[in-house]
All heavy atoms as atom14 arrays in JSON, in Angstrom:
{
  "sequence": "NLRDISERKQAEALLVHRALHDPLTNLPNRTMILD",
  "atom14_mask": [
    [1, 1, 1, 1, 1, 1, 1, 1, 0, 0, 0, 0, 0, 0],
    [1, 1, 1, 1, 1, 1, 1, 1, 0, 0, 0, 0, 0, 0],
    [1, 1, 1, 1, 1, 1, 1, 1, 1, 1, 1, 0, 0, 0],
    [1, 1, 1, 1, 1, 1, 1, 1, 0, 0, 0, 0, 0, 0],
    [1, 1, 1, 1, 1, 1, 1, 1, 0, 0, 0, 0, 0, 0],
    [1, 1, 1, 1, 1, 1, 0, 0, 0, 0, 0, 0, 0, 0],
    [1, 1, 1, 1, 1, 1, 1, 1, 1, 0, 0, 0, 0, 0],
    [1, 1, 1, 1, 1, 1, 1, 1, 1, 1, 1, 0, 0, 0],
    [1, 1, 1, 1, 1, 1, 1, 1, 1, 0, 0, 0, 0, 0],
    [1, 1, 1, 1, 1, 1, 1, 1, 1, 0, 0, 0, 0, 0],
    [1, 1, 1, 1, 1, 0, 0, 0, 0, 0, 0, 0, 0, 0],
    [1, 1, 1, 1, 1, 1, 1, 1, 1, 0, 0, 0, 0, 0],
    [1, 1, 1, 1, 1, 0, 0, 0, 0, 0, 0, 0, 0, 0],
    [1, 1, 1, 1, 1, 1, 1, 1, 0, 0, 0, 0, 0, 0],
    [1, 1, 1, 1, 1, 1, 1, 1, 0, 0, 0, 0, 0, 0],
    [1, 1, 1, 1, 1, 1, 1, 0, 0, 0, 0, 0, 0, 0],
    [1, 1, 1, 1, 1, 1, 1, 1, 1, 1, 0, 0, 0, 0],
    [1, 1, 1, 1, 1, 1, 1, 1, 1, 1, 1, 0, 0, 0],
    [1, 1, 1, 1, 1, 0, 0, 0, 0, 0, 0, 0, 0, 0],
    [1, 1, 1, 1, 1, 1, 1, 1, 0, 0, 0, 0, 0, 0],
    [1, 1, 1, 1, 1, 1, 1, 1, 1, 1, 0, 0, 0, 0],
    [1, 1, 1, 1, 1, 1, 1, 1, 0, 0, 0, 0, 0, 0],
    [1, 1, 1, 1, 1, 1, 1, 0, 0, 0, 0, 0, 0, 0],
    [1, 1, 1, 1, 1, 1, 1, 1, 0, 0, 0, 0, 0, 0],
    [1, 1, 1, 1, 1, 1, 1, 0, 0, 0, 0, 0, 0, 0],
    [1, 1, 1, 1, 1, 1, 1, 1, 0, 0, 0, 0, 0, 0],
    [1, 1, 1, 1, 1, 1, 1, 1, 0, 0, 0, 0, 0, 0],
    [1, 1, 1, 1, 1, 1, 1, 0, 0, 0, 0, 0, 0, 0],
    [1, 1, 1, 1, 1, 1, 1, 1, 0, 0, 0, 0, 0, 0],
    [1, 1, 1, 1, 1, 1, 1, 1, 1, 1, 1, 0, 0, 0],
    [1, 1, 1, 1, 1, 1, 1, 0, 0, 0, 0, 0, 0, 0],
    [1, 1, 1, 1, 1, 1, 1, 1, 0, 0, 0, 0, 0, 0],
    [1, 1, 1, 1, 1, 1, 1, 1, 0, 0, 0, 0, 0, 0],
    [1, 1, 1, 1, 1, 1, 1, 1, 0, 0, 0, 0, 0, 0],
    [1, 1, 1, 1, 1, 1, 1, 1, 0, 0, 0, 0, 0, 0]
  ],
  "atom14_positions": [
    [[110.46, 91.29, 128.28], [111.16, 90.16, 127.68], [111.99, 90.68, 126.52], [111.45, 91.23, 125.55], [110.16, 89.11, 127.19], [109.41, 88.46, 128.33], [109.99, 87.84, 129.2], [108.1, 88.63, 128.35], [0.0, 0.0, 0.0], [0.0, 0.0, 0.0], [0.0, 0.0, 0.0], [0.0, 0.0, 0.0], [0.0, 0.0, 0.0], [0.0, 0.0, 0.0]],
    [[113.31, 90.52, 126.63], [114.22, 91.13, 125.67], [115.03, 90.07, 124.94], [115.53, 89.12, 125.56], [115.18, 92.09, 126.39], [114.48, 93.22, 127.17], [114.65, 92.98, 128.67], [115.03, 94.58, 126.79], [0.0, 0.0, 0.0], [0.0, 0.0, 0.0], [0.0, 0.0, 0.0], [0.0, 0.0, 0.0], [0.0, 0.0, 0.0], [0.0, 0.0, 0.0]],
    [[115.15, 90.27, 123.64], [115.9, 89.34, 122.79], [117.02, 90.12, 122.1], [116.82, 91.23, 121.61], [114.97, 88.72, 121.75], [115.66, 87.85, 120.71], [114.65, 87.13, 119.85], [113.84, 86.23, 120.67], [112.85, 85.49, 120.19], [112.52, 85.59, 118.92], [112.16, 84.7, 120.99], [0.0, 0.0, 0.0], [0.0, 0.0, 0.0], [0.0, 0.0, 0.0]],
    [[118.2, 89.5, 122.06], [119.36, 90.13, 121.43], [119.19, 90.11, 119.91], [119.05, 89.05, 119.31], [120.63, 89.37, 121.82], [121.89, 90.11, 121.4], [121.76, 91.12, 120.69], [122.99, 89.68, 121.77], [0.0, 0.0, 0.0], [0.0, 0.0, 0.0], [0.0, 0.0, 0.0], [0.0, 0.0, 0.0], [0.0, 0.0, 0.0], [0.0, 0.0, 0.0]],
    [[119.15, 91.29, 119.32], [119.03, 91.39, 117.86], [120.25, 92.1, 117.27], [120.17, 92.67, 116.19], [117.73, 92.11, 117.45], [117.67, 93.52, 118.08], [116.5, 91.3, 117.84], [116.53, 94.36, 117.54], [0.0, 0.0, 0.0], [0.0, 0.0, 0.0], [0.0, 0.0, 0.0], [0.0, 0.0, 0.0], [0.0, 0.0, 0.0], [0.0, 0.0, 0.0]],
    [[121.37, 92.05, 118.0], [122.57, 92.74, 117.53], [123.02, 92.2, 116.18], [123.37, 92.96, 115.27], [123.7, 92.59, 118.56], [123.34, 93.18, 119.79], [0.0, 0.0, 0.0], [0.0, 0.0, 0.0], [0.0, 0.0, 0.0], [0.0, 0.0, 0.0], [0.0, 0.0, 0.0], [0.0, 0.0, 0.0], [0.0, 0.0, 0.0], [0.0, 0.0, 0.0]],
    [[123.02, 90.87, 116.03], [123.45, 90.29, 114.76], [122.5, 90.67, 113.64], [122.93, 90.94, 112.52], [123.54, 88.77, 114.9], [124.65, 88.29, 115.82], [124.78, 86.78, 115.82], [124.01, 86.12, 115.09], [125.65, 86.27, 116.55], [0.0, 0.0, 0.0], [0.0, 0.0, 0.0], [0.0, 0.0, 0.0], [0.0, 0.0, 0.0], [0.0, 0.0, 0.0]],
    [[121.2, 90.69, 113.95], [120.24, 91.09, 112.93], [120.44, 92.54, 112.52], [120.39, 92.88, 111.34], [118.82, 90.88, 113.45], [117.75, 91.02, 112.37], [116.38, 90.82, 112.96], [115.9, 92.05, 113.59], [114.78, 92.11, 114.3], [114.06, 91.02, 114.53], [114.38, 93.26, 114.83], [0.0, 0.0, 0.0], [0.0, 0.0, 0.0], [0.0, 0.0, 0.0]],
    [[120.67, 93.4, 113.52], [120.91, 94.81, 113.23], [122.17, 94.99, 112.39], [122.22, 95.79, 111.45], [121.04, 95.6, 114.54], [119.72, 95.85, 115.26], [118.93, 96.92, 114.54], [117.71, 97.33, 115.34], [116.93, 98.39, 114.67], [0.0, 0.0, 0.0], [0.0, 0.0, 0.0], [0.0, 0.0, 0.0], [0.0, 0.0, 0.0], [0.0, 0.0, 0.0]],
    [[123.21, 94.22, 112.73], [124.45, 94.31, 111.97], [124.24, 93.85, 110.53], [124.77, 94.45, 109.59], [125.53, 93.48, 112.65], [125.99, 94.03, 113.98], [126.91, 93.08, 114.72], [127.25, 92.01, 114.22], [127.31, 93.47, 115.94], [0.0, 0.0, 0.0], [0.0, 0.0, 0.0], [0.0, 0.0, 0.0], [0.0, 0.0, 0.0], [0.0, 0.0, 0.0]],
    [[123.45, 92.77, 110.38], [123.17, 92.27, 109.03], [122.36, 93.29, 108.24], [122.63, 93.52, 107.05], [122.42, 90.94, 109.11], [0.0, 0.0, 0.0], [0.0, 0.0, 0.0], [0.0, 0.0, 0.0], [0.0, 0.0, 0.0], [0.0, 0.0, 0.0], [0.0, 0.0, 0.0], [0.0, 0.0, 0.0], [0.0, 0.0, 0.0], [0.0, 0.0, 0.0]],
    [[121.37, 93.91, 108.89], [120.57, 94.93, 108.22], [121.43, 96.12, 107.82], [121.3, 96.66, 106.72], [119.42, 95.37, 109.12], [118.36, 94.31, 109.34], [117.33, 94.73, 110.36], [117.52, 95.8, 111.0], [116.33, 94.02, 110.54], [0.0, 0.0, 0.0], [0.0, 0.0, 0.0], [0.0, 0.0, 0.0], [0.0, 0.0, 0.0], [0.0, 0.0, 0.0]],
    [[122.3, 96.54, 108.75], [123.17, 97.68, 108.45], [124.12, 97.35, 107.31], [124.41, 98.2, 106.45], [123.96, 98.07, 109.7], [0.0, 0.0, 0.0], [0.0, 0.0, 0.0], [0.0, 0.0, 0.0], [0.0, 0.0, 0.0], [0.0, 0.0, 0.0], [0.0, 0.0, 0.0], [0.0, 0.0, 0.0], [0.0, 0.0, 0.0], [0.0, 0.0, 0.0]],
    [[124.59, 96.08, 107.29], [125.49, 95.67, 106.2], [124.77, 95.69, 104.86], [125.33, 96.14, 103.85], [126.04, 94.27, 106.49], [127.02, 93.7, 105.46], [128.24, 94.6, 105.34], [127.43, 92.29, 105.85], [0.0, 0.0, 0.0], [0.0, 0.0, 0.0], [0.0, 0.0, 0.0], [0.0, 0.0, 0.0], [0.0, 0.0, 0.0], [0.0, 0.0, 0.0]],
    [[123.52, 95.22, 104.85], [122.75, 95.24, 103.61], [122.51, 96.67, 103.13], [122.63, 96.96, 101.93], [121.41, 94.52, 103.82], [121.48, 93.0, 103.99], [120.09, 92.45, 104.32], [122.03, 92.33, 102.73], [0.0, 0.0, 0.0], [0.0, 0.0, 0.0], [0.0, 0.0, 0.0], [0.0, 0.0, 0.0], [0.0, 0.0, 0.0], [0.0, 0.0, 0.0]],
    [[122.17, 97.55, 104.08], [121.96, 98.95, 103.71], [123.26, 99.55, 103.19], [123.27, 100.29, 102.18], [121.44, 99.75, 104.93], [121.41, 101.24, 104.62], [120.05, 99.27, 105.31], [0.0, 0.0, 0.0], [0.0, 0.0, 0.0], [0.0, 0.0, 0.0], [0.0, 0.0, 0.0], [0.0, 0.0, 0.0], [0.0, 0.0, 0.0], [0.0, 0.0, 0.0]],
    [[124.37, 99.24, 103.86], [125.67, 99.78, 103.43], [126.0, 99.31, 102.01], [126.45, 100.1, 101.17], [126.75, 99.33, 104.41], [128.11, 99.86, 104.09], [128.53, 101.12, 104.49], [129.14, 99.32, 103.37], [129.76, 101.33, 104.06], [130.16, 100.25, 103.38], [0.0, 0.0, 0.0], [0.0, 0.0, 0.0], [0.0, 0.0, 0.0], [0.0, 0.0, 0.0]],
    [[125.78, 98.01, 101.76], [126.1, 97.47, 100.45], [125.2, 98.07, 99.37], [125.63, 98.22, 98.21], [125.96, 95.95, 100.46], [127.07, 95.26, 101.24], [126.85, 93.76, 101.28], [127.98, 93.09, 101.95], [128.01, 91.78, 102.21], [126.97, 91.01, 101.86], [129.05, 91.25, 102.8], [0.0, 0.0, 0.0], [0.0, 0.0, 0.0], [0.0, 0.0, 0.0]],
    [[123.96, 98.38, 99.76], [123.04, 98.97, 98.79], [123.42, 100.4, 98.43], [123.03, 100.9, 97.37], [121.62, 98.92, 99.32], [0.0, 0.0, 0.0], [0.0, 0.0, 0.0], [0.0, 0.0, 0.0], [0.0, 0.0, 0.0], [0.0, 0.0, 0.0], [0.0, 0.0, 0.0], [0.0, 0.0, 0.0], [0.0, 0.0, 0.0], [0.0, 0.0, 0.0]],
    [[124.2, 101.07, 99.28], [124.5, 102.49, 99.08], [125.98, 102.76, 98.85], [126.38, 103.92, 98.72], [124.03, 103.29, 100.3], [122.53, 103.25, 100.59], [122.22, 103.99, 101.88], [121.73, 103.84, 99.42], [0.0, 0.0, 0.0], [0.0, 0.0, 0.0], [0.0, 0.0, 0.0], [0.0, 0.0, 0.0], [0.0, 0.0, 0.0], [0.0, 0.0, 0.0]],
    [[126.8, 101.71, 98.82], [128.25, 101.91, 98.66], [128.81, 101.02, 97.57], [128.29, 99.92, 97.31], [128.99, 101.65, 99.98], [128.73, 102.67, 101.04], [127.58, 102.67, 101.78], [129.47, 103.74, 101.46], [127.61, 103.69, 102.63], [128.74, 104.35, 102.46], [0.0, 0.0, 0.0], [0.0, 0.0, 0.0], [0.0, 0.0, 0.0], [0.0, 0.0, 0.0]],
    [[129.87, 101.49, 96.99], [130.59, 100.73, 95.97], [131.35, 99.59, 96.67], [132.11, 99.85, 97.61], [131.56, 101.65, 95.24], [132.53, 100.88, 94.35], [132.04, 100.05, 93.57], [133.75, 101.11, 94.46], [0.0, 0.0, 0.0], [0.0, 0.0, 0.0], [0.0, 0.0, 0.0], [0.0, 0.0, 0.0], [0.0, 0.0, 0.0], [0.0, 0.0, 0.0]],
    [[131.18, 98.35, 96.26], [131.82, 97.23, 96.97], [133.34, 97.22, 96.88], [134.0, 96.66, 97.76], [131.21, 95.99, 96.29], [130.75, 96.46, 94.95], [130.34, 97.88, 95.14], [0.0, 0.0, 0.0], [0.0, 0.0, 0.0], [0.0, 0.0, 0.0], [0.0, 0.0, 0.0], [0.0, 0.0, 0.0], [0.0, 0.0, 0.0], [0.0, 0.0, 0.0]],
    [[133.92, 97.83, 95.83], [135.38, 97.81, 95.68], [136.05, 98.88, 96.53], [136.95, 98.59, 97.32], [135.74, 98.0, 94.2], [137.25, 98.1, 93.9], [137.95, 96.81, 94.29], [137.49, 98.44, 92.41], [0.0, 0.0, 0.0], [0.0, 0.0, 0.0], [0.0, 0.0, 0.0], [0.0, 0.0, 0.0], [0.0, 0.0, 0.0], [0.0, 0.0, 0.0]],
    [[135.63, 100.13, 96.4], [136.3, 101.25, 97.08], [135.61, 101.64, 98.39], [136.16, 102.43, 99.14], [136.33, 102.47, 96.16], [134.98, 102.87, 95.89], [137.02, 102.15, 94.85], [0.0, 0.0, 0.0], [0.0, 0.0, 0.0], [0.0, 0.0, 0.0], [0.0, 0.0, 0.0], [0.0, 0.0, 0.0], [0.0, 0.0, 0.0], [0.0, 0.0, 0.0]],
    [[134.42, 101.11, 98.63], [133.61, 101.45, 99.81], [133.16, 102.91, 99.8], [132.75, 103.47, 100.83], [134.37, 101.16, 101.11], [133.43, 100.9, 102.27], [132.34, 100.35, 102.1], [133.82, 101.33, 103.47], [0.0, 0.0, 0.0], [0.0, 0.0, 0.0], [0.0, 0.0, 0.0], [0.0, 0.0, 0.0], [0.0, 0.0, 0.0], [0.0, 0.0, 0.0]],
    [[133.23, 103.55, 98.64], [132.72, 104.92, 98.5], [131.22, 104.89, 98.24], [130.69, 103.87, 97.77], [133.42, 105.61, 97.32], [134.92, 105.91, 97.46], [135.43, 106.51, 96.16], [135.19, 106.82, 98.64], [0.0, 0.0, 0.0], [0.0, 0.0, 0.0], [0.0, 0.0, 0.0], [0.0, 0.0, 0.0], [0.0, 0.0, 0.0], [0.0, 0.0, 0.0]],
    [[130.52, 105.98, 98.51], [129.09, 106.04, 98.16], [128.89, 105.77, 96.66], [129.68, 106.23, 95.82], [128.7, 107.47, 98.52], [129.65, 107.86, 99.61], [130.96, 107.2, 99.25], [0.0, 0.0, 0.0], [0.0, 0.0, 0.0], [0.0, 0.0, 0.0], [0.0, 0.0, 0.0], [0.0, 0.0, 0.0], [0.0, 0.0, 0.0], [0.0, 0.0, 0.0]],
    [[127.81, 105.01, 96.35], [127.51, 104.74, 94.94], [126.57, 105.81, 94.39], [126.3, 106.81, 95.06], [126.94, 103.33, 94.77], [125.64, 103.15, 95.55], [125.02, 104.1, 96.0], [125.22, 101.9, 95.69], [0.0, 0.0, 0.0], [0.0, 0.0, 0.0], [0.0, 0.0, 0.0], [0.0, 0.0, 0.0], [0.0, 0.0, 0.0], [0.0, 0.0, 0.0]],
    [[126.06, 105.58, 93.18], [125.23, 106.6, 92.53], [124.0, 106.94, 93.37], [123.65, 108.12, 93.52], [124.8, 106.13, 91.15], [123.91, 107.12, 90.41], [123.52, 106.59, 89.04], [124.68, 106.49, 88.17], [125.14, 107.49, 87.42], [124.52, 108.67, 87.46], [126.17, 107.32, 86.64], [0.0, 0.0, 0.0], [0.0, 0.0, 0.0], [0.0, 0.0, 0.0]],
    [[123.33, 105.91, 93.95], [122.12, 106.16, 94.74], [122.4, 107.08, 95.91], [121.67, 108.05, 96.16], [121.54, 104.83, 95.25], [121.24, 103.98, 94.14], [120.28, 105.07, 96.07], [0.0, 0.0, 0.0], [0.0, 0.0, 0.0], [0.0, 0.0, 0.0], [0.0, 0.0, 0.0], [0.0, 0.0, 0.0], [0.0, 0.0, 0.0], [0.0, 0.0, 0.0]],
    [[123.5, 106.8, 96.62], [123.81, 107.6, 97.8], [124.32, 108.99, 97.4], [124.03, 109.99, 98.08], [124.86, 106.89, 98.66], [125.05, 107.51, 100.03], [126.06, 106.47, 101.1], [126.01, 107.41, 102.62], [0.0, 0.0, 0.0], [0.0, 0.0, 0.0], [0.0, 0.0, 0.0], [0.0, 0.0, 0.0], [0.0, 0.0, 0.0], [0.0, 0.0, 0.0]],
    [[125.08, 109.07, 96.31], [125.58, 110.37, 95.86], [124.42, 111.28, 95.46], [124.41, 112.49, 95.77], [126.56, 110.18, 94.68], [127.93, 109.76, 95.23], [126.71, 111.46, 93.87], [128.62, 110.8, 96.09], [0.0, 0.0, 0.0], [0.0, 0.0, 0.0], [0.0, 0.0, 0.0], [0.0, 0.0, 0.0], [0.0, 0.0, 0.0], [0.0, 0.0, 0.0]],
    [[123.41, 110.73, 94.78], [122.25, 111.54, 94.42], [121.53, 112.05, 95.67], [121.1, 113.21, 95.72], [121.29, 110.71, 93.56], [121.72, 110.48, 92.12], [120.8, 109.48, 91.43], [121.73, 111.81, 91.33], [0.0, 0.0, 0.0], [0.0, 0.0, 0.0], [0.0, 0.0, 0.0], [0.0, 0.0, 0.0], [0.0, 0.0, 0.0], [0.0, 0.0, 0.0]],
    [[121.43, 111.18, 96.7], [120.8, 111.62, 97.95], [121.62, 112.71, 98.62], [121.07, 113.72, 99.09], [120.64, 110.41, 98.88], [120.0, 110.8, 100.21], [118.79, 111.1, 100.22], [120.72, 110.81, 101.23], [0.0, 0.0, 0.0], [0.0, 0.0, 0.0], [0.0, 0.0, 0.0], [0.0, 0.0, 0.0], [0.0, 0.0, 0.0], [0.0, 0.0, 0.0]]
  ]
}
């Protein structure tokens, strides 16, 4: 039994991206640069 979670995955990826990137320039932020 399979359920489409594409939107959820996209939302999760977007949250992760926002947590690791500068919202203005879309460049990595301090957290990602340190990693």
